[in-house]
Amino acid sequence: MRAITILAFLMLVVPLAAANGEDFKLEGLPFDLATKAGPIHGSDAEVGVSFLTPKDRTPKGWRDGLKEALEAQHIFFDGDAVELVFRINHVSTFEQFAAAPLRQSIVVRRKNDSTDSINVLLDAELKQRVLDNLNRVDTSFAKLDPHVNLRADTRKDFIDITEVYRAYVGTITEATKPLSKALLDQLDSEAEFLLSLQDGIKQGQGLSESQVAIVRTISLDNQVRFTSLLEPLGPAAVNFKGGNGSINVEVSLWLFDKGAKTQRDGFRIRFRPLTRTQFDEMPNFTTPARGSVPEASLCFVAIDPQTGTAVSDTFFGAMDVLVGQDPAKIDLSFTKKPGVSSRCTQ
């Protein structure tokens, strides 16, 4: 399928034609449009944005207004359509959407008079990989010999994880919830990690204490995530959140000297989930760093951009704490002898 772009112009509705069948992207993030008859190509449709102005300015009101705007164009109001609008507006929940300065919705103008319903399709290749890996975790665990050397509590964690993963398979397949790319990448990372452990178990290898702890953390994280999977895209309460599986964080670096506390700017902040050894960087250079991270327990560290060395301890942020704040504020301490939280070692 071809990717089509949405551009935000300061008018009520400004459609953008896809010229000469070229592929376009939405701020670097491609998406597809399709009907039951097949894909909608750039030559078949014009895509733009319009501003929403519902009477009810609560998160539910904005959600209902978006649903009405999309359905008026015969666009399925599902997780992918909502997630595309979230990405246009740089938000991750309907609460943030309600507080955004301009709320923009997708507009599709087709050159023919067809009223076939349109599906928005996001991250198709990534979602297929995630689905494959989640299903592999489930089937791989089911095939484990019940007599293998595996602690009872860890076996229970694996069971709990696979149950949530089955729910995610349904959520991804049916597009019942907006899902950020960050969360999809996190699920993929978790599944790859768990599959490597299961392969080792089948070969008679035991799990280290750190691996047992990571499995436990994944299980706890997924229990927290599971509650958000129950949030519908249909009728909902006024306090409907409708998050896409990401967390807004603000990470600061502080120097403590002789009782004085001074903020240190100009340092990079990196983070990673427990299932990976490679760190990702927060998007803005100067601390305090702000950005969106996946719903997961994460490790954070401040880095000197000149030397590439750590200038803070590696901090462990538990997911159940991070999701309770918006943004979640994390304070790192500047030090010349940085250490690493035991939770952030593999």
C-alpha atoms as a PDB file:
ATOM      1  CA  MET A   1       0.000   0.000   0.000  1.00  0.00           C
ATOM      2  CA  ARG A   2       1.077   3.547  -0.597  1.00  0.00           C
ATOM      3  CA  ALA A   3       1.695   5.983   2.227  1.00  0.00           C
ATOM      4  CA  ILE A   4      -0.274   9.241   2.140  1.00  0.00           C
ATOM      5  CA  THR A   5       0.596  12.417   3.998  1.00  0.00           C
ATOM      6  CA  ILE A   6      -1.452  14.718   6.173  1.00  0.00           C
ATOM      7  CA  LEU A   7      -0.218  18.313   6.357  1.00  0.00           C
ATOM      8  CA  ALA A   8      -1.558  20.829   8.881  1.00  0.00           C
ATOM      9  CA  PHE A   9      -2.488  24.148   7.259  1.00  0.00           C
ATOM     10  CA  LEU A  10      -4.144  26.942   9.214  1.00  0.00           C
ATOM     11  CA  MET A  11      -7.549  26.766   7.547  1.00  0.00           C
ATOM     12  CA  LEU A  12     -10.739  24.897   8.268  1.00  0.00           C
ATOM     13  CA  VAL A  13     -10.006  22.130   5.767  1.00  0.00           C
ATOM     14  CA  VAL A  14      -7.087  22.025   3.358  1.00  0.00           C
ATOM     15  CA  PRO A  15      -6.748  18.748   1.449  1.00  0.00           C
ATOM     16  CA  LEU A  16      -3.385  17.695   0.082  1.00  0.00           C
ATOM     17  CA  ALA A  17      -3.349  15.866  -3.237  1.00  0.00           C
ATOM     18  CA  ALA A  18      -0.829  13.106  -3.750  1.00  0.00           C
ATOM     19  CA  ALA A  19       0.762  14.189  -7.004  1.00  0.00           C
ATOM     20  CA  ASN A  20       1.848  11.756  -9.709  1.00  0.00           C
ATOM     21  CA  GLY A  21       1.244   8.754  -7.472  1.00  0.00           C
ATOM     22  CA  GLU A  22       4.201   9.644  -5.246  1.00  0.00           C
ATOM     23  CA  ASP A  23       4.424   8.349  -1.709  1.00  0.00           C
ATOM     24  CA  PHE A  24       4.065  10.842   1.126  1.00  0.00           C
ATOM     25  CA  LYS A  25       4.553  10.524   4.853  1.00  0.00           C
ATOM     26  CA  LEU A  26       2.988  12.086   7.921  1.00  0.00           C
ATOM     27  CA  GLU A  27       5.889  13.835   9.640  1.00  0.00           C
ATOM     28  CA  GLY A  28       8.115  10.878   8.894  1.00  0.00           C
ATOM     29  CA  LEU A  29       5.539   8.292  10.035  1.00  0.00           C
ATOM     30  CA  PRO A  30       3.897   6.460   7.109  1.00  0.00           C
ATOM     31  CA  PHE A  31       0.327   5.203   7.165  1.00  0.00           C
ATOM     32  CA  ASP A  32      -2.027   3.521   4.728  1.00  0.00           C
ATOM     33  CA  LEU A  33      -5.681   3.849   3.850  1.00  0.00           C
ATOM     34  CA  ALA A  34      -7.790   0.938   2.643  1.00  0.00           C
ATOM     35  CA  THR A  35     -11.337  -0.229   1.962  1.00  0.00           C
ATOM     36  CA  LYS A  36     -12.691  -3.747   1.666  1.00  0.00           C
ATOM     37  CA  ALA A  37     -11.961  -3.485  -2.043  1.00  0.00           C
ATOM     38  CA  GLY A  38      -8.286  -2.849  -1.382  1.00  0.00           C
ATOM     39  CA  PRO A  39      -5.807  -0.016  -0.779  1.00  0.00           C
ATOM     40  CA  ILE A  40      -6.538   3.623  -1.524  1.00  0.00           C
ATOM     41  CA  HIS A  41      -3.625   5.089  -3.459  1.00  0.00           C
ATOM     42  CA  GLY A  42      -2.449   8.676  -3.660  1.00  0.00           C
ATOM     43  CA  SER A  43      -4.151   9.076  -7.026  1.00  0.00           C
ATOM     44  CA  ASP A  44      -7.497   8.060  -5.531  1.00  0.00           C
ATOM     45  CA  ALA A  45      -7.748  10.404  -2.550  1.00  0.00           C
ATOM     46  CA  GLU A  46      -6.865  13.789  -1.156  1.00  0.00           C
ATOM     47  CA  VAL A  47      -5.947  13.921   2.518  1.00  0.00           C
ATOM     48  CA  GLY A  48      -5.876  16.929   4.831  1.00  0.00           C
ATOM     49  CA  VAL A  49      -6.801  18.061   8.311  1.00  0.00           C
ATOM     50  CA  SER A  50      -9.636  19.976   9.918  1.00  0.00           C
ATOM     51  CA  PHE A  51     -10.004  21.514  13.354  1.00  0.00           C
ATOM     52  CA  LEU A  52     -12.410  20.050  15.909  1.00  0.00           C
ATOM     53  CA  THR A  53     -14.649  22.309  18.013  1.00  0.00           C
ATOM     54  CA  PRO A  54     -17.042  20.146  20.062  1.00  0.00           C
ATOM     55  CA  LYS A  55     -19.417  21.769  22.531  1.00  0.00           C
ATOM     56  CA  ASP A  56     -18.293  19.450  25.320  1.00  0.00           C
ATOM     57  CA  ARG A  57     -14.633  20.296  26.043  1.00  0.00           C
ATOM     58  CA  THR A  58     -13.990  17.292  28.314  1.00  0.00           C
ATOM     59  CA  PRO A  59     -11.757  14.444  27.132  1.00  0.00           C
ATOM     60  CA  LYS A  60     -14.933  12.475  26.420  1.00  0.00           C
ATOM     61  CA  GLY A  61     -16.330  15.391  24.446  1.00  0.00           C
ATOM     62  CA  TRP A  62     -13.220  15.589  22.269  1.00  0.00           C
ATOM     63  CA  ARG A  63     -13.312  11.817  21.807  1.00  0.00           C
ATOM     64  CA  ASP A  64     -16.984  11.964  20.771  1.00  0.00           C
ATOM     65  CA  GLY A  65     -16.281  14.907  18.458  1.00  0.00           C
ATOM     66  CA  LEU A  66     -13.445  13.026  16.782  1.00  0.00           C
ATOM     67  CA  LYS A  67     -15.638   9.948  16.389  1.00  0.00           C
ATOM     68  CA  GLU A  68     -18.372  12.027  14.743  1.00  0.00           C
ATOM     69  CA  ALA A  69     -15.883  13.752  12.410  1.00  0.00           C
ATOM     70  CA  LEU A  70     -14.340  10.488  11.271  1.00  0.00           C
ATOM     71  CA  GLU A  71     -17.590   8.611  10.835  1.00  0.00           C
ATOM     72  CA  ALA A  72     -19.010  11.494   8.771  1.00  0.00           C
ATOM     73  CA  GLN A  73     -16.303  10.647   6.250  1.00  0.00           C
ATOM     74  CA  HIS A  74     -16.932   6.903   6.493  1.00  0.00           C
ATOM     75  CA  ILE A  75     -13.618   6.384   8.308  1.00  0.00           C
ATOM     76  CA  PHE A  76     -13.664   3.559  10.840  1.00  0.00           C
ATOM     77  CA  PHE A  77     -13.303   4.981  14.346  1.00  0.00           C
ATOM     78  CA  ASP A  78     -10.797   2.478  15.676  1.00  0.00           C
ATOM     79  CA  GLY A  79      -7.435   2.367  17.406  1.00  0.00           C
ATOM     80  CA  ASP A  80      -5.395   3.106  14.280  1.00  0.00           C
ATOM     81  CA  ALA A  81      -7.499   6.123  13.323  1.00  0.00           C
ATOM     82  CA  VAL A  82      -7.259   7.528  16.855  1.00  0.00           C
ATOM     83  CA  GLU A  83      -3.518   6.870  17.029  1.00  0.00           C
ATOM     84  CA  LEU A  84      -2.990   8.710  13.715  1.00  0.00           C
ATOM     85  CA  VAL A  85      -4.843  11.729  15.108  1.00  0.00           C
ATOM     86  CA  PHE A  86      -2.786  11.482  18.309  1.00  0.00           C
ATOM     87  CA  ARG A  87       0.408  11.604  16.236  1.00  0.00           C
ATOM     88  CA  ILE A  88      -0.834  14.604  14.267  1.00  0.00           C
ATOM     89  CA  ASN A  89      -1.483  16.457  17.537  1.00  0.00           C
ATOM     90  CA  HIS A  90       1.607  15.144  19.401  1.00  0.00           C
ATOM     91  CA  VAL A  91      -0.449  13.674  22.261  1.00  0.00           C
ATOM     92  CA  SER A  92      -0.833  10.209  23.750  1.00  0.00           C
ATOM     93  CA  THR A  93      -4.197  10.381  25.595  1.00  0.00           C
ATOM     94  CA  PHE A  94      -7.575  12.037  25.147  1.00  0.00           C
ATOM     95  CA  GLU A  95      -6.810  14.048  28.285  1.00  0.00           C
ATOM     96  CA  GLN A  96      -3.776  15.544  26.531  1.00  0.00           C
ATOM     97  CA  PHE A  97      -5.819  15.935  23.355  1.00  0.00           C
ATOM     98  CA  ALA A  98      -8.372  18.016  25.250  1.00  0.00           C
ATOM     99  CA  ALA A  99      -5.587  20.280  26.547  1.00  0.00           C
ATOM    100  CA  ALA A 100      -3.820  20.713  23.183  1.00  0.00           C
ATOM    101  CA  PRO A 101      -3.884  24.227  21.662  1.00  0.00           C
ATOM    102  CA  LEU A 102      -5.228  23.048  18.280  1.00  0.00           C
ATOM    103  CA  ARG A 103      -7.052  19.766  17.835  1.00  0.00           C
ATOM    104  CA  GLN A 104      -6.766  18.459  14.320  1.00  0.00           C
ATOM    105  CA  SER A 105      -8.551  15.566  12.687  1.00  0.00           C
ATOM    106  CA  ILE A 106      -7.915  13.664   9.470  1.00  0.00           C
ATOM    107  CA  VAL A 107      -9.998  14.556   6.401  1.00  0.00           C
ATOM    108  CA  VAL A 108     -10.124  12.286   3.348  1.00  0.00           C
ATOM    109  CA  ARG A 109     -11.623  13.525   0.097  1.00  0.00           C
ATOM    110  CA  ARG A 110     -12.044  10.879  -2.575  1.00  0.00           C
ATOM    111  CA  LYS A 111     -12.318  11.788  -6.234  1.00  0.00           C
ATOM    112  CA  ASN A 112     -15.079   9.248  -6.785  1.00  0.00           C
ATOM    113  CA  ASP A 113     -18.418   9.183  -5.030  1.00  0.00           C
ATOM    114  CA  SER A 114     -17.787   5.919  -3.236  1.00  0.00           C
ATOM    115  CA  THR A 115     -18.924   5.740   0.367  1.00  0.00           C
ATOM    116  CA  ASP A 116     -17.035   2.546   1.164  1.00  0.00           C
ATOM    117  CA  SER A 117     -15.743   2.683   4.718  1.00  0.00           C
ATOM    118  CA  ILE A 118     -12.046   3.540   5.038  1.00  0.00           C
ATOM    119  CA  ASN A 119      -9.581   1.866   7.364  1.00  0.00           C
ATOM    120  CA  VAL A 120      -6.508   3.698   8.615  1.00  0.00           C
ATOM    121  CA  LEU A 121      -3.584   1.271   8.838  1.00  0.00           C
ATOM    122  CA  LEU A 122      -0.538   2.102  10.970  1.00  0.00           C
ATOM    123  CA  ASP A 123       2.760   0.266  11.559  1.00  0.00           C
ATOM    124  CA  ALA A 124       1.626  -2.773   9.572  1.00  0.00           C
ATOM    125  CA  GLU A 125       5.015  -4.504   9.336  1.00  0.00           C
ATOM    126  CA  LEU A 126       5.910  -3.827  12.982  1.00  0.00           C
ATOM    127  CA  LYS A 127       2.514  -5.045  14.168  1.00  0.00           C
ATOM    128  CA  GLN A 128       2.857  -8.262  12.197  1.00  0.00           C
ATOM    129  CA  ARG A 129       6.266  -8.897  13.753  1.00  0.00           C
ATOM    130  CA  VAL A 130       4.886  -8.187  17.228  1.00  0.00           C
ATOM    131  CA  LEU A 131       1.916 -10.495  16.633  1.00  0.00           C
ATOM    132  CA  ASP A 132       4.223 -13.273  15.454  1.00  0.00           C
ATOM    133  CA  ASN A 133       6.466 -12.901  18.514  1.00  0.00           C
ATOM    134  CA  LEU A 134       3.609 -12.666  21.014  1.00  0.00           C
ATOM    135  CA  ASN A 135       2.083 -15.823  19.577  1.00  0.00           C
ATOM    136  CA  ARG A 136       5.489 -17.531  19.644  1.00  0.00           C
ATOM    137  CA  VAL A 137       5.882 -16.714  23.354  1.00  0.00           C
ATOM    138  CA  ASP A 138       2.491 -18.294  23.999  1.00  0.00           C
ATOM    139  CA  THR A 139       3.097 -21.464  21.986  1.00  0.00           C
ATOM    140  CA  SER A 140       6.701 -21.814  23.153  1.00  0.00           C
ATOM    141  CA  PHE A 141       5.689 -21.685  26.805  1.00  0.00           C
ATOM    142  CA  ALA A 142       2.845 -24.144  26.188  1.00  0.00           C
ATOM    143  CA  LYS A 143       5.402 -26.612  24.817  1.00  0.00           C
ATOM    144  CA  LEU A 144       7.701 -26.369  27.838  1.00  0.00           C
ATOM    145  CA  ASP A 145       8.075 -29.625  29.677  1.00  0.00           C
ATOM    146  CA  PRO A 146       6.148 -29.194  32.961  1.00  0.00           C
ATOM    147  CA  HIS A 147       9.031 -30.907  34.722  1.00  0.00           C
ATOM    148  CA  VAL A 148      11.771 -28.491  33.598  1.00  0.00           C
ATOM    149  CA  ASN A 149      13.722 -26.723  36.294  1.00  0.00           C
ATOM    150  CA  LEU A 150      11.678 -23.536  36.639  1.00  0.00           C
ATOM    151  CA  ARG A 151      10.696 -21.805  39.858  1.00  0.00           C
ATOM    152  CA  ALA A 152       6.978 -21.936  40.622  1.00  0.00           C
ATOM    153  CA  ASP A 153       6.681 -18.147  40.915  1.00  0.00           C
ATOM    154  CA  THR A 154       8.515 -17.646  37.597  1.00  0.00           C
ATOM    155  CA  ARG A 155       6.281 -20.225  35.916  1.00  0.00           C
ATOM    156  CA  LYS A 156       3.281 -18.260  37.225  1.00  0.00           C
ATOM    157  CA  ASP A 157       4.797 -15.044  35.833  1.00  0.00           C
ATOM    158  CA  PHE A 158       5.122 -16.670  32.399  1.00  0.00           C
ATOM    159  CA  ILE A 159       1.478 -17.773  32.563  1.00  0.00           C
ATOM    160  CA  ASP A 160       0.332 -14.259  33.517  1.00  0.00           C
ATOM    161  CA  ILE A 161       2.441 -12.699  30.745  1.00  0.00           C
ATOM    162  CA  THR A 162       1.061 -14.986  28.043  1.00  0.00           C
ATOM    163  CA  GLU A 163      -2.509 -14.202  29.133  1.00  0.00           C
ATOM    164  CA  VAL A 164      -1.911 -10.463  28.660  1.00  0.00           C
ATOM    165  CA  TYR A 165      -0.105 -11.091  25.390  1.00  0.00           C
ATOM    166  CA  ARG A 166      -3.169 -12.946  24.102  1.00  0.00           C
ATOM    167  CA  ALA A 167      -5.220  -9.856  24.939  1.00  0.00           C
ATOM    168  CA  TYR A 168      -2.723  -7.710  23.028  1.00  0.00           C
ATOM    169  CA  VAL A 169      -3.011 -10.030  20.017  1.00  0.00           C
ATOM    170  CA  GLY A 170      -6.734  -9.313  19.952  1.00  0.00           C
ATOM    171  CA  THR A 171      -6.199  -5.587  20.507  1.00  0.00           C
ATOM    172  CA  ILE A 172      -3.666  -5.310  17.664  1.00  0.00           C
ATOM    173  CA  THR A 173      -5.648  -7.507  15.272  1.00  0.00           C
ATOM    174  CA  GLU A 174      -8.954  -5.713  15.837  1.00  0.00           C
ATOM    175  CA  ALA A 175      -7.442  -2.214  16.314  1.00  0.00           C
ATOM    176  CA  THR A 176      -9.537  -1.695  19.442  1.00  0.00           C
ATOM    177  CA  LYS A 177      -7.066   0.716  21.034  1.00  0.00           C
ATOM    178  CA  PRO A 178      -4.524   3.340  19.907  1.00  0.00           C
ATOM    179  CA  LEU A 179      -1.021   1.897  20.211  1.00  0.00           C
ATOM    180  CA  SER A 180       2.134   3.991  20.063  1.00  0.00           C
ATOM    181  CA  LYS A 181       5.130   2.765  18.117  1.00  0.00           C
ATOM    182  CA  ALA A 182       7.088   2.962  21.383  1.00  0.00           C
ATOM    183  CA  LEU A 183       4.780   0.408  23.015  1.00  0.00           C
ATOM    184  CA  LEU A 184       4.854  -1.874  19.981  1.00  0.00           C
ATOM    185  CA  ASP A 185       8.660  -1.783  20.039  1.00  0.00           C
ATOM    186  CA  GLN A 186       8.572  -2.543  23.772  1.00  0.00           C
ATOM    187  CA  LEU A 187       6.286  -5.555  23.295  1.00  0.00           C
ATOM    188  CA  ASP A 188       8.597  -6.782  20.535  1.00  0.00           C
ATOM    189  CA  SER A 189      11.626  -6.370  22.814  1.00  0.00           C
ATOM    190  CA  GLU A 190       9.913  -8.227  25.657  1.00  0.00           C
ATOM    191  CA  ALA A 191       8.855 -11.084  23.423  1.00  0.00           C
ATOM    192  CA  GLU A 192      12.343 -11.492  21.948  1.00  0.00           C
ATOM    193  CA  PHE A 193      13.815 -11.554  25.459  1.00  0.00           C
ATOM    194  CA  LEU A 194      11.309 -14.118  26.732  1.00  0.00           C
ATOM    195  CA  LEU A 195      11.784 -16.326  23.669  1.00  0.00           C
ATOM    196  CA  SER A 196      15.541 -16.381  24.269  1.00  0.00           C
ATOM    197  CA  LEU A 197      14.927 -17.445  27.875  1.00  0.00           C
ATOM    198  CA  GLN A 198      12.473 -20.148  26.821  1.00  0.00           C
ATOM    199  CA  ASP A 199      14.962 -21.512  24.275  1.00  0.00           C
ATOM    200  CA  GLY A 200      17.578 -21.720  27.023  1.00  0.00           C
ATOM    201  CA  ILE A 201      15.165 -23.463  29.393  1.00  0.00           C
ATOM    202  CA  LYS A 202      14.371 -26.068  26.733  1.00  0.00           C
ATOM    203  CA  GLN A 203      18.103 -26.752  26.449  1.00  0.00           C
ATOM    204  CA  GLY A 204      18.346 -27.346  30.181  1.00  0.00           C
ATOM    205  CA  GLN A 205      19.757 -23.937  31.125  1.00  0.00           C
ATOM    206  CA  GLY A 206      18.628 -22.344  34.359  1.00  0.00           C
ATOM    207  CA  LEU A 207      17.659 -18.700  34.811  1.00  0.00           C
ATOM    208  CA  SER A 208      19.922 -16.299  36.660  1.00  0.00           C
ATOM    209  CA  GLU A 209      18.558 -14.202  39.507  1.00  0.00           C
ATOM    210  CA  SER A 210      18.624 -11.097  37.286  1.00  0.00           C
ATOM    211  CA  GLN A 211      16.676 -12.925  34.556  1.00  0.00           C
ATOM    212  CA  VAL A 212      14.096 -14.081  37.095  1.00  0.00           C
ATOM    213  CA  ALA A 213      13.769 -10.475  38.297  1.00  0.00           C
ATOM    214  CA  ILE A 214      13.271  -9.192  34.744  1.00  0.00           C
ATOM    215  CA  VAL A 215      10.562 -11.780  34.057  1.00  0.00           C
ATOM    216  CA  ARG A 216       8.883 -10.677  37.269  1.00  0.00           C
ATOM    217  CA  THR A 217       9.065  -7.016  36.212  1.00  0.00           C
ATOM    218  CA  ILE A 218       7.619  -7.817  32.774  1.00  0.00           C
ATOM    219  CA  SER A 219       4.754  -9.642  34.471  1.00  0.00           C
ATOM    220  CA  LEU A 220       4.023  -6.710  36.807  1.00  0.00           C
ATOM    221  CA  ASP A 221       4.247  -4.201  33.949  1.00  0.00           C
ATOM    222  CA  ASN A 222       1.781  -6.190  31.895  1.00  0.00           C
ATOM    223  CA  GLN A 223      -0.664  -6.376  34.785  1.00  0.00           C
ATOM    224  CA  VAL A 224      -0.663  -2.563  34.873  1.00  0.00           C
ATOM    225  CA  ARG A 225      -1.007  -2.356  31.082  1.00  0.00           C
ATOM    226  CA  PHE A 226      -3.889  -4.810  31.047  1.00  0.00           C
ATOM    227  CA  THR A 227      -6.220  -2.344  32.771  1.00  0.00           C
ATOM    228  CA  SER A 228      -5.736   0.119  29.899  1.00  0.00           C
ATOM    229  CA  LEU A 229      -6.666  -2.561  27.368  1.00  0.00           C
ATOM    230  CA  LEU A 230     -10.141  -2.524  28.881  1.00  0.00           C
ATOM    231  CA  GLU A 231     -10.670   1.140  27.905  1.00  0.00           C
ATOM    232  CA  PRO A 232     -13.138   1.120  25.020  1.00  0.00           C
ATOM    233  CA  LEU A 233     -13.281   3.373  21.987  1.00  0.00           C
ATOM    234  CA  GLY A 234     -17.057   3.321  22.159  1.00  0.00           C
ATOM    235  CA  PRO A 235     -19.230   5.119  24.762  1.00  0.00           C
ATOM    236  CA  ALA A 236     -17.144   5.964  27.792  1.00  0.00           C
ATOM    237  CA  ALA A 237     -17.166   7.978  30.987  1.00  0.00           C
ATOM    238  CA  VAL A 238     -16.251  11.663  31.212  1.00  0.00           C
ATOM    239  CA  ASN A 239     -12.844  10.790  32.674  1.00  0.00           C
ATOM    240  CA  PHE A 240     -11.982   8.554  29.722  1.00  0.00           C
ATOM    241  CA  LYS A 241      -8.205   8.549  29.185  1.00  0.00           C
ATOM    242  CA  GLY A 242      -7.784   6.419  26.086  1.00  0.00           C
ATOM    243  CA  GLY A 243      -3.987   6.286  26.250  1.00  0.00           C
ATOM    244  CA  ASN A 244      -1.809   4.763  23.536  1.00  0.00           C
ATOM    245  CA  GLY A 245       0.664   2.931  25.759  1.00  0.00           C
ATOM    246  CA  SER A 246       3.237   5.661  26.256  1.00  0.00           C
ATOM    247  CA  ILE A 247       4.289   7.783  29.224  1.00  0.00           C
ATOM    248  CA  ASN A 248       5.383  11.419  29.216  1.00  0.00           C
ATOM    249  CA  VAL A 249       8.498  11.943  31.340  1.00  0.00           C
ATOM    250  CA  GLU A 250      10.630  14.887  32.419  1.00  0.00           C
ATOM    251  CA  VAL A 251      14.150  14.001  33.547  1.00  0.00           C
ATOM    252  CA  SER A 252      16.324  16.529  35.390  1.00  0.00           C
ATOM    253  CA  LEU A 253      19.962  16.393  36.460  1.00  0.00           C
ATOM    254  CA  TRP A 254      20.964  18.024  39.776  1.00  0.00           C
ATOM    255  CA  LEU A 255      24.260  18.824  41.438  1.00  0.00           C
ATOM    256  CA  PHE A 256      24.255  18.669  45.245  1.00  0.00           C
ATOM    257  CA  ASP A 257      27.171  20.582  46.774  1.00  0.00           C
ATOM    258  CA  LYS A 258      27.467  21.784  50.365  1.00  0.00           C
ATOM    259  CA  GLY A 259      23.729  21.757  50.859  1.00  0.00           C
ATOM    260  CA  ALA A 260      23.009  23.625  47.636  1.00  0.00           C
ATOM    261  CA  LYS A 261      20.998  22.073  44.793  1.00  0.00           C
ATOM    262  CA  THR A 262      21.788  23.267  41.257  1.00  0.00           C
ATOM    263  CA  GLN A 263      20.255  22.040  38.023  1.00  0.00           C
ATOM    264  CA  ARG A 264      22.791  20.918  35.426  1.00  0.00           C
ATOM    265  CA  ASP A 265      21.868  21.637  31.821  1.00  0.00           C
ATOM    266  CA  GLY A 266      23.293  20.491  28.510  1.00  0.00           C
ATOM    267  CA  PHE A 267      23.475  16.754  29.251  1.00  0.00           C
ATOM    268  CA  ARG A 268      21.899  13.937  27.308  1.00  0.00           C
ATOM    269  CA  ILE A 269      19.395  11.615  28.947  1.00  0.00           C
ATOM    270  CA  ARG A 270      19.243   8.003  27.860  1.00  0.00           C
ATOM    271  CA  PHE A 271      16.744   5.296  28.772  1.00  0.00           C
ATOM    272  CA  ARG A 272      16.184   1.615  28.100  1.00  0.00           C
ATOM    273  CA  PRO A 273      13.819  -1.167  29.151  1.00  0.00           C
ATOM    274  CA  LEU A 274      15.195  -4.042  31.197  1.00  0.00           C
ATOM    275  CA  THR A 275      14.913  -6.354  28.190  1.00  0.00           C
ATOM    276  CA  ARG A 276      17.585  -4.483  26.220  1.00  0.00           C
ATOM    277  CA  THR A 277      21.163  -3.421  26.897  1.00  0.00           C
ATOM    278  CA  GLN A 278      21.107  -0.614  24.320  1.00  0.00           C
ATOM    279  CA  PHE A 279      19.954   2.827  25.451  1.00  0.00           C
ATOM    280  CA  ASP A 280      17.734   5.241  23.510  1.00  0.00           C
ATOM    281  CA  GLU A 281      18.151   9.008  23.818  1.00  0.00           C
ATOM    282  CA  MET A 282      15.506  11.450  24.904  1.00  0.00           C
ATOM    283  CA  PRO A 283      14.679  13.745  21.983  1.00  0.00           C
ATOM    284  CA  ASN A 284      15.836  17.117  23.327  1.00  0.00           C
ATOM    285  CA  PHE A 285      19.484  17.800  24.049  1.00  0.00           C
ATOM    286  CA  THR A 286      19.366  20.043  27.111  1.00  0.00           C
ATOM    287  CA  THR A 287      18.309  18.751  30.488  1.00  0.00           C
ATOM    288  CA  PRO A 288      15.675  18.773  31.804  1.00  0.00           C
ATOM    289  CA  ALA A 289      14.776  16.349  29.019  1.00  0.00           C
ATOM    290  CA  ARG A 290      11.157  15.793  28.098  1.00  0.00           C
ATOM    291  CA  GLY A 291       9.702  13.123  25.898  1.00  0.00           C
ATOM    292  CA  SER A 292       7.502  10.101  25.490  1.00  0.00           C
ATOM    293  CA  VAL A 293       8.636   6.611  26.518  1.00  0.00           C
ATOM    294  CA  PRO A 294       6.847   3.232  26.391  1.00  0.00           C
ATOM    295  CA  GLU A 295       4.732   1.978  29.263  1.00  0.00           C
ATOM    296  CA  ALA A 296       7.382  -0.126  30.954  1.00  0.00           C
ATOM    297  CA  SER A 297       9.808  -0.145  33.848  1.00  0.00           C
ATOM    298  CA  LEU A 298      12.839   1.740  32.530  1.00  0.00           C
ATOM    299  CA  CYS A 299      16.434   2.618  33.386  1.00  0.00           C
ATOM    300  CA  PHE A 300      17.553   6.258  33.022  1.00  0.00           C
ATOM    301  CA  VAL A 301      21.058   7.761  33.007  1.00  0.00           C
ATOM    302  CA  ALA A 302      22.592  11.183  32.244  1.00  0.00           C
ATOM    303  CA  ILE A 303      25.482  11.295  29.760  1.00  0.00           C
ATOM    304  CA  ASP A 304      28.207  13.898  29.178  1.00  0.00           C
ATOM    305  CA  PRO A 305      27.846  14.683  25.449  1.00  0.00           C
ATOM    306  CA  GLN A 306      31.557  15.490  25.143  1.00  0.00           C
ATOM    307  CA  THR A 307      32.920  12.240  26.566  1.00  0.00           C
ATOM    308  CA  GLY A 308      29.951   9.885  26.235  1.00  0.00           C
ATOM    309  CA  THR A 309      30.390   8.802  29.868  1.00  0.00           C
ATOM    310  CA  ALA A 310      27.725   8.571  32.546  1.00  0.00           C
ATOM    311  CA  VAL A 311      27.503  11.492  34.989  1.00  0.00           C
ATOM    312  CA  SER A 312      24.693  10.075  37.117  1.00  0.00           C
ATOM    313  CA  ASP A 313      23.762   6.787  38.672  1.00  0.00           C
ATOM    314  CA  THR A 314      21.615   4.601  36.424  1.00  0.00           C
ATOM    315  CA  PHE A 315      18.150   5.058  37.901  1.00  0.00           C
ATOM    316  CA  PHE A 316      15.379   2.443  37.853  1.00  0.00           C
ATOM    317  CA  GLY A 317      11.881   3.780  37.267  1.00  0.00           C
ATOM    318  CA  ALA A 318       9.097   1.286  38.020  1.00  0.00           C
ATOM    319  CA  MET A 319       6.211   1.451  35.575  1.00  0.00           C
ATOM    320  CA  ASP A 320       3.490   1.521  38.226  1.00  0.00           C
ATOM    321  CA  VAL A 321       5.069   4.724  39.588  1.00  0.00           C
ATOM    322  CA  LEU A 322       5.711   6.346  36.204  1.00  0.00           C
ATOM    323  CA  VAL A 323       2.145   5.908  34.930  1.00  0.00           C
ATOM    324  CA  GLY A 324       0.718   7.697  37.953  1.00  0.00           C
ATOM    325  CA  GLN A 325       2.123  11.073  36.826  1.00  0.00           C
ATOM    326  CA  ASP A 326       1.816  13.238  33.711  1.00  0.00           C
ATOM    327  CA  PRO A 327       4.558  14.004  33.136  1.00  0.00           C
ATOM    328  CA  ALA A 328       6.461  11.562  35.321  1.00  0.00           C
ATOM    329  CA  LYS A 329       9.278  13.573  36.891  1.00  0.00           C
ATOM    330  CA  ILE A 330      12.628  11.870  37.447  1.00  0.00           C
ATOM    331  CA  ASP A 331      15.528  13.523  39.284  1.00  0.00           C
ATOM    332  CA  LEU A 332      19.068  12.267  38.646  1.00  0.00           C
ATOM    333  CA  SER A 333      22.053  13.305  40.776  1.00  0.00           C
ATOM    334  CA  PHE A 334      25.278  14.478  39.158  1.00  0.00           C
ATOM    335  CA  THR A 335      28.248  12.394  40.289  1.00  0.00           C
ATOM    336  CA  LYS A 336      31.828  11.673  39.216  1.00  0.00           C
ATOM    337  CA  LYS A 337      31.526   8.057  40.365  1.00  0.00           C
ATOM    338  CA  PRO A 338      28.291   6.795  38.845  1.00  0.00           C
ATOM    339  CA  GLY A 339      26.805   3.511  39.910  1.00  0.00           C
ATOM    340  CA  VAL A 340      24.106   1.303  38.454  1.00  0.00           C
ATOM    341  CA  SER A 341      20.869   0.240  40.128  1.00  0.00           C
ATOM    342  CA  SER A 342      20.837  -3.505  40.687  1.00  0.00           C
ATOM    343  CA  ARG A 343      17.536  -3.549  38.780  1.00  0.00           C
ATOM    344  CA  CYS A 344      19.309  -2.234  35.680  1.00  0.00           C
ATOM    345  CA  THR A 345      21.894  -5.016  35.394  1.00  0.00           C
ATOM    346  CA  GLN A 346      21.488  -8.194  33.400  1.00  0.00           C
END
